[in-house]
Amino acid sequence: EMVAMSLKRELLHTPSEGAGAEEGARRLPPDVLCSLFETLVKGGYQDTDLYLLLGRRAVRYAEMGLLSASQIASVVSSLATSKSMWVRPSDTEDVFRALSVPMLSMPRSVFKPKVAAVVASAYAKARVFDADVFRRVSECVRWRSHKPQDFSVQVIGILLFAFSRVEVEDQLLLDFLSKVIQDQSPADFTPQAVSVVVSVYAGAHKRKALSGTQPPALPIEDLPPATGILAHMSKVAQQMEVSSFDTRHVKAIVEAYHRAGVRPDGLYAVMRDAWGLKWGSSFESDQEMVSFLTSLELRAPGAVGE
């Protein structure tokens, strides 16, 4: 708390404009600002005024060209994690939008997928929908010069969840990440990651398949088999330990394939076994499981990954 109070006094009494700006940057270097911001937020310290002061100082540093892409990502992530958006939403959004200006002018080469994912996640978490930011994130992620090792299952999941959270459907990004996902080792996936991936792609599949009217519900055996990324994720999930799936994962995965209107051959048997392990008894058929779990949708809403 003493550190926070001292920091607040420093920010209040050190000029961020004019001749005093460079002196302020020397007294509180950008890397120190980012580190302190992250430490205070993770420690649960509550001081919206301090966080906004830090955010505004970061804006000034960014305008002076002193913040890297990863440092801007760190600042917006800390700001999104703090309670500032709920206490002073307008002032907090101003910081987010001010930071987007220098960020958008940076070259794609400085935005590694992990950095881009942190930025997208922060804006989505704070409910700041900046179309230019999400468009830039997509462009940076799809940049050809990235190496395969720049991507991970965690980074992919963060990106997909962030875009779905603000209801941005970027088909170019979805198609690109679909290929990247299929290059990942199945051993790197967790039930949560599978839940996020199939939920996002099931929604996209449904919107692509519909042509005006909702088709009548069909028995599982009459549904077309899953193809593409949904078929791939079905195979990935079937390689996992049944005991690793929690009931929320089972529900999310079953709902996703039901929503897409496709049949994930072999996966429902695994989901039934996972449900049985958690509850002591399972369903007699795939159809019974799907009917029961999808009937819970209205009573138990919520985004996968929350």
Protein backbone atom coordinates (compact mmCIF):
# COMPACT_ATOMS: atom_id res chain seq x y z
CA GLU A 1 0.00 0.00 0.00
CA MET A 2 2.87 2.40 0.78
CA VAL A 3 4.37 1.67 -2.63
CA ALA A 4 1.03 2.42 -4.29
CA MET A 5 0.62 5.69 -2.40
CA SER A 6 4.15 6.76 -3.28
CA LEU A 7 3.55 5.86 -6.93
CA LYS A 8 0.33 7.86 -6.97
CA ARG A 9 2.11 10.94 -5.60
CA GLU A 10 4.81 10.53 -8.22
CA LEU A 11 2.25 10.38 -11.04
CA LEU A 12 0.32 13.36 -9.70
CA HIS A 13 3.35 15.61 -9.32
CA THR A 14 5.48 14.59 -12.30
CA PRO A 15 4.52 16.35 -15.56
CA SER A 16 3.56 14.08 -18.42
CA GLU A 17 3.46 16.89 -20.97
CA GLY A 18 6.01 19.36 -22.25
CA ALA A 19 9.58 19.53 -21.02
CA GLY A 20 8.81 17.50 -17.92
CA ALA A 21 7.62 14.46 -19.88
CA GLU A 22 11.08 13.07 -20.55
CA GLU A 23 12.09 13.59 -16.93
CA GLY A 24 8.94 11.72 -15.88
CA ALA A 25 9.88 8.84 -18.17
CA ARG A 26 13.34 8.68 -16.60
CA ARG A 27 11.90 8.64 -13.09
CA LEU A 28 9.29 6.04 -13.95
CA PRO A 29 10.62 4.05 -16.93
CA PRO A 30 8.04 2.27 -19.14
CA ASP A 31 9.12 -1.22 -18.09
CA VAL A 32 8.80 -0.27 -14.42
CA LEU A 33 5.36 1.23 -15.01
CA CYS A 34 4.16 -1.97 -16.70
CA SER A 35 5.62 -4.17 -13.98
CA LEU A 36 4.11 -2.13 -11.13
CA PHE A 37 0.73 -1.96 -12.86
CA GLU A 38 0.63 -5.74 -13.31
CA THR A 39 1.84 -6.42 -9.75
CA LEU A 40 -0.74 -4.12 -8.15
CA VAL A 41 -3.64 -5.59 -10.14
CA LYS A 42 -2.59 -9.19 -9.52
CA GLY A 43 -2.23 -8.37 -5.83
CA GLY A 44 -5.84 -7.26 -5.69
CA TYR A 45 -5.05 -3.64 -4.82
CA GLN A 46 -8.12 -1.44 -5.40
CA ASP A 47 -7.51 2.15 -6.49
CA THR A 48 -9.22 3.17 -9.70
CA ASP A 49 -7.69 6.66 -9.62
CA LEU A 50 -4.19 5.16 -9.50
CA TYR A 51 -4.92 2.74 -12.34
CA LEU A 52 -6.26 5.52 -14.53
CA LEU A 53 -3.19 7.62 -13.76
CA LEU A 54 -1.00 4.70 -14.81
CA GLY A 55 -3.08 4.19 -17.93
CA ARG A 56 -2.87 7.85 -18.93
CA ARG A 57 0.87 7.91 -18.31
CA ALA A 58 1.15 4.83 -20.53
CA VAL A 59 -0.79 6.68 -23.24
CA ARG A 60 1.71 9.53 -23.05
CA TYR A 61 4.66 7.11 -23.23
CA ALA A 62 3.09 5.41 -26.23
CA GLU A 63 2.60 8.77 -27.96
CA MET A 64 6.29 9.50 -27.32
CA GLY A 65 7.20 6.17 -28.90
CA LEU A 66 8.50 4.74 -25.65
CA LEU A 67 6.19 1.71 -25.35
CA SER A 68 6.66 -1.51 -27.29
CA ALA A 69 3.73 -3.58 -28.55
CA SER A 70 4.19 -6.07 -25.71
CA GLN A 71 4.21 -3.24 -23.15
CA ILE A 72 0.99 -1.78 -24.53
CA ALA A 73 -0.48 -5.28 -24.35
CA SER A 74 0.61 -5.49 -20.72
CA VAL A 75 -1.01 -2.16 -19.85
CA VAL A 76 -4.38 -2.91 -21.47
CA SER A 77 -4.38 -6.37 -19.90
CA SER A 78 -3.78 -4.91 -16.43
CA LEU A 79 -6.41 -2.23 -16.98
CA ALA A 80 -8.96 -4.81 -18.15
CA THR A 81 -8.25 -7.02 -15.13
CA SER A 82 -8.68 -4.14 -12.69
CA LYS A 83 -12.15 -2.97 -11.69
CA SER A 84 -11.70 0.39 -13.41
CA MET A 85 -14.09 -0.34 -16.27
CA TRP A 86 -16.90 -1.00 -13.80
CA VAL A 87 -16.10 1.96 -11.52
CA ARG A 88 -15.29 4.63 -14.12
CA PRO A 89 -16.23 3.12 -17.48
CA SER A 90 -16.02 6.27 -19.60
CA ASP A 91 -12.57 7.30 -18.34
CA THR A 92 -11.26 3.74 -18.68
CA GLU A 93 -12.57 3.38 -22.22
CA ASP A 94 -10.85 6.65 -23.12
CA VAL A 95 -7.52 5.09 -22.11
CA PHE A 96 -8.19 1.97 -24.19
CA ARG A 97 -9.10 4.02 -27.25
CA ALA A 98 -6.15 6.37 -26.79
CA LEU A 99 -3.74 3.42 -26.63
CA SER A 100 -5.21 1.96 -29.81
CA VAL A 101 -3.94 4.93 -31.87
CA PRO A 102 -0.18 4.31 -31.48
CA MET A 103 -0.78 0.58 -31.47
CA LEU A 104 -2.46 0.67 -34.88
CA SER A 105 0.50 2.53 -36.36
CA MET A 106 2.98 -0.18 -35.35
CA PRO A 107 4.22 -2.67 -37.99
CA ARG A 108 2.74 -6.17 -38.02
CA SER A 109 6.17 -7.64 -37.33
CA VAL A 110 6.11 -6.47 -33.69
CA PHE A 111 2.82 -8.19 -32.93
CA LYS A 112 3.60 -11.81 -32.26
CA PRO A 113 0.46 -13.98 -31.94
CA LYS A 114 0.80 -14.06 -28.14
CA VAL A 115 0.92 -10.24 -27.94
CA ALA A 116 -2.00 -9.91 -30.35
CA ALA A 117 -3.99 -12.41 -28.27
CA VAL A 118 -3.36 -10.44 -25.06
CA VAL A 119 -4.56 -7.24 -26.74
CA ALA A 120 -7.72 -8.85 -28.12
CA SER A 121 -8.47 -10.50 -24.78
CA ALA A 122 -8.06 -7.21 -22.90
CA TYR A 123 -10.37 -5.23 -25.20
CA ALA A 124 -12.94 -8.03 -25.13
CA LYS A 125 -12.77 -8.40 -21.35
CA ALA A 126 -13.26 -4.66 -20.89
CA ARG A 127 -16.09 -4.70 -23.43
CA VAL A 128 -14.35 -2.07 -25.55
CA PHE A 129 -15.30 -2.90 -29.10
CA ASP A 130 -12.82 -1.13 -31.32
CA ALA A 131 -13.29 -2.52 -34.83
CA ASP A 132 -9.89 -1.21 -35.97
CA VAL A 133 -8.11 -2.98 -33.09
CA PHE A 134 -9.73 -6.35 -33.81
CA ARG A 135 -9.09 -5.95 -37.53
CA ARG A 136 -5.44 -5.20 -36.81
CA VAL A 137 -5.15 -8.16 -34.45
CA SER A 138 -6.50 -10.42 -37.19
CA GLU A 139 -4.05 -9.02 -39.75
CA CYS A 140 -1.11 -9.45 -37.38
CA VAL A 141 -2.04 -13.02 -36.46
CA ARG A 142 -2.40 -13.96 -40.13
CA TRP A 143 0.93 -12.38 -41.09
CA ARG A 144 2.91 -14.84 -43.19
CA SER A 145 6.24 -14.38 -41.45
CA HIS A 146 5.14 -15.98 -38.17
CA LYS A 147 6.77 -19.28 -37.33
CA PRO A 148 4.79 -22.37 -36.23
CA GLN A 149 6.32 -22.10 -32.76
CA ASP A 150 4.80 -18.62 -32.39
CA PHE A 151 1.42 -20.32 -31.94
CA SER A 152 0.21 -22.45 -29.07
CA VAL A 153 -3.12 -23.99 -28.09
CA GLN A 154 -3.43 -21.39 -25.32
CA VAL A 155 -2.85 -18.45 -27.68
CA ILE A 156 -5.33 -19.86 -30.20
CA GLY A 157 -7.96 -20.35 -27.48
CA ILE A 158 -7.51 -16.81 -26.18
CA LEU A 159 -7.92 -15.38 -29.67
CA LEU A 160 -11.03 -17.39 -30.47
CA PHE A 161 -12.67 -16.62 -27.14
CA ALA A 162 -11.87 -12.89 -27.40
CA PHE A 163 -13.38 -12.54 -30.87
CA SER A 164 -16.47 -14.55 -29.90
CA ARG A 165 -16.89 -12.51 -26.72
CA VAL A 166 -17.35 -9.28 -28.69
CA GLU A 167 -19.28 -11.19 -31.39
CA VAL A 168 -16.78 -10.49 -34.15
CA GLU A 169 -16.85 -13.21 -36.78
CA ASP A 170 -13.71 -12.81 -38.86
CA GLN A 171 -13.88 -15.62 -41.41
CA LEU A 172 -10.33 -15.03 -42.63
CA LEU A 173 -9.05 -15.42 -39.08
CA LEU A 174 -11.21 -18.50 -38.44
CA ASP A 175 -9.99 -20.18 -41.62
CA PHE A 176 -6.36 -19.35 -40.80
CA LEU A 177 -6.59 -20.59 -37.21
CA SER A 178 -8.36 -23.74 -38.35
CA LYS A 179 -5.21 -24.73 -40.24
CA VAL A 180 -2.98 -23.74 -37.33
CA ILE A 181 -5.10 -25.78 -34.90
CA GLN A 182 -4.75 -28.89 -37.02
CA ASP A 183 -0.96 -28.49 -36.92
CA GLN A 184 -0.93 -28.54 -33.10
CA SER A 185 -0.14 -31.72 -31.20
CA PRO A 186 -3.31 -33.35 -29.80
CA ALA A 187 -1.41 -33.79 -26.52
CA ASP A 188 -1.32 -30.00 -26.08
CA PHE A 189 -5.10 -29.68 -25.90
CA THR A 190 -7.11 -29.58 -22.69
CA PRO A 191 -10.87 -30.18 -22.36
CA GLN A 192 -11.31 -26.44 -21.88
CA ALA A 193 -9.43 -25.71 -25.11
CA VAL A 194 -11.55 -28.25 -26.98
CA SER A 195 -14.69 -26.64 -25.56
CA VAL A 196 -13.70 -23.17 -26.76
CA VAL A 197 -12.61 -24.30 -30.23
CA VAL A 198 -15.68 -26.41 -31.02
CA SER A 199 -18.06 -23.79 -29.59
CA VAL A 200 -16.66 -21.04 -31.81
CA TYR A 201 -16.45 -23.14 -34.96
CA ALA A 202 -19.86 -24.72 -34.39
CA GLY A 203 -21.42 -21.27 -34.33
CA ALA A 204 -19.64 -20.30 -37.53
CA HIS A 205 -20.62 -23.60 -39.17
CA LYS A 206 -24.27 -23.10 -38.30
CA ARG A 207 -24.39 -19.56 -39.66
CA LYS A 208 -22.72 -20.69 -42.88
CA ALA A 209 -25.10 -23.64 -43.32
CA LEU A 210 -28.36 -21.82 -42.67
CA SER A 211 -30.16 -20.35 -45.67
CA GLY A 212 -33.04 -18.38 -44.26
CA THR A 213 -35.01 -20.91 -42.19
CA GLN A 214 -34.02 -23.29 -39.42
CA PRO A 215 -34.23 -26.91 -40.60
CA PRO A 216 -36.20 -29.36 -38.47
CA ALA A 217 -34.28 -31.21 -35.75
CA LEU A 218 -33.08 -34.62 -36.91
CA PRO A 219 -32.17 -37.76 -34.96
CA ILE A 220 -28.42 -38.05 -34.46
CA GLU A 221 -28.10 -40.97 -36.87
CA ASP A 222 -29.63 -38.84 -39.65
CA LEU A 223 -27.25 -35.90 -39.20
CA PRO A 224 -24.32 -35.43 -41.58
CA PRO A 225 -20.92 -36.36 -40.13
CA ALA A 226 -18.69 -33.60 -38.85
CA THR A 227 -16.04 -32.47 -41.32
CA GLY A 228 -13.05 -30.12 -41.30
CA ILE A 229 -12.06 -28.56 -37.99
CA LEU A 230 -15.05 -30.06 -36.14
CA ALA A 231 -14.09 -33.58 -37.27
CA HIS A 232 -10.49 -32.93 -36.28
CA MET A 233 -11.44 -31.71 -32.80
CA SER A 234 -13.65 -34.77 -32.32
CA LYS A 235 -10.62 -36.98 -32.92
CA VAL A 236 -8.48 -34.86 -30.59
CA ALA A 237 -11.06 -35.13 -27.79
CA GLN A 238 -11.33 -38.89 -28.21
CA GLN A 239 -7.59 -39.23 -27.51
CA MET A 240 -7.93 -37.58 -24.08
CA GLU A 241 -8.38 -39.28 -20.75
CA VAL A 242 -12.10 -39.59 -20.09
CA SER A 243 -11.56 -38.53 -16.49
CA SER A 244 -10.14 -35.16 -17.61
CA PHE A 245 -13.54 -33.95 -18.81
CA ASP A 246 -15.67 -32.07 -16.28
CA THR A 247 -19.45 -31.94 -16.70
CA ARG A 248 -19.22 -28.34 -18.00
CA HIS A 249 -16.89 -29.51 -20.75
CA VAL A 250 -19.24 -32.34 -21.69
CA LYS A 251 -22.20 -29.97 -21.83
CA ALA A 252 -20.34 -27.35 -23.88
CA ILE A 253 -18.97 -29.87 -26.39
CA VAL A 254 -22.28 -31.70 -26.86
CA GLU A 255 -24.15 -28.42 -27.27
CA ALA A 256 -21.61 -27.21 -29.82
CA TYR A 257 -21.97 -30.21 -32.14
CA HIS A 258 -25.75 -30.14 -31.70
CA ARG A 259 -25.77 -26.44 -32.62
CA ALA A 260 -23.67 -27.14 -35.71
CA GLY A 261 -26.11 -29.87 -36.78
CA VAL A 262 -23.43 -32.48 -37.35
CA ARG A 263 -22.58 -35.92 -35.93
CA PRO A 264 -19.14 -36.29 -34.28
CA ASP A 265 -18.68 -40.04 -34.84
CA GLY A 266 -17.35 -41.72 -31.71
CA LEU A 267 -17.16 -38.59 -29.55
CA TYR A 268 -20.57 -38.86 -27.91
CA ALA A 269 -19.65 -42.26 -26.44
CA VAL A 270 -16.65 -40.63 -24.77
CA MET A 271 -18.85 -37.80 -23.47
CA ARG A 272 -21.33 -40.30 -22.04
CA ASP A 273 -18.50 -42.11 -20.24
CA ALA A 274 -17.15 -38.81 -18.88
CA TRP A 275 -20.60 -37.83 -17.62
CA GLY A 276 -21.00 -41.23 -15.98
CA LEU A 277 -17.64 -40.91 -14.19
CA LYS A 278 -18.72 -37.61 -12.62
CA TRP A 279 -22.33 -38.52 -11.74
CA GLY A 280 -22.14 -42.27 -11.13
CA SER A 281 -24.61 -43.05 -13.91
CA SER A 282 -24.81 -42.12 -17.53
CA PHE A 283 -27.21 -41.98 -20.46
CA GLU A 284 -28.53 -45.04 -22.25
CA SER A 285 -28.03 -43.50 -25.68
CA ASP A 286 -26.38 -40.60 -27.46
CA GLN A 287 -29.79 -39.19 -28.29
CA GLU A 288 -30.83 -39.18 -24.63
CA MET A 289 -27.64 -37.33 -23.69
CA VAL A 290 -28.03 -34.71 -26.42
CA SER A 291 -31.70 -34.13 -25.62
CA PHE A 292 -31.00 -33.76 -21.90
CA LEU A 293 -27.93 -31.51 -22.14
CA THR A 294 -29.39 -29.21 -24.79
CA SER A 295 -32.57 -28.85 -22.74
CA LEU A 296 -30.42 -27.29 -20.01
CA GLU A 297 -29.30 -24.50 -22.31
CA LEU A 298 -31.99 -22.04 -21.29
CA ARG A 299 -31.53 -22.74 -17.59
CA ALA A 300 -27.75 -22.57 -17.60
CA PRO A 301 -26.51 -19.93 -20.07
CA GLY A 302 -22.92 -18.76 -20.14
CA ALA A 303 -20.01 -18.43 -22.49
CA VAL A 304 -17.53 -21.24 -22.67
CA GLY A 305 -14.33 -20.18 -20.97
CA GLU A 306 -15.88 -17.90 -18.38
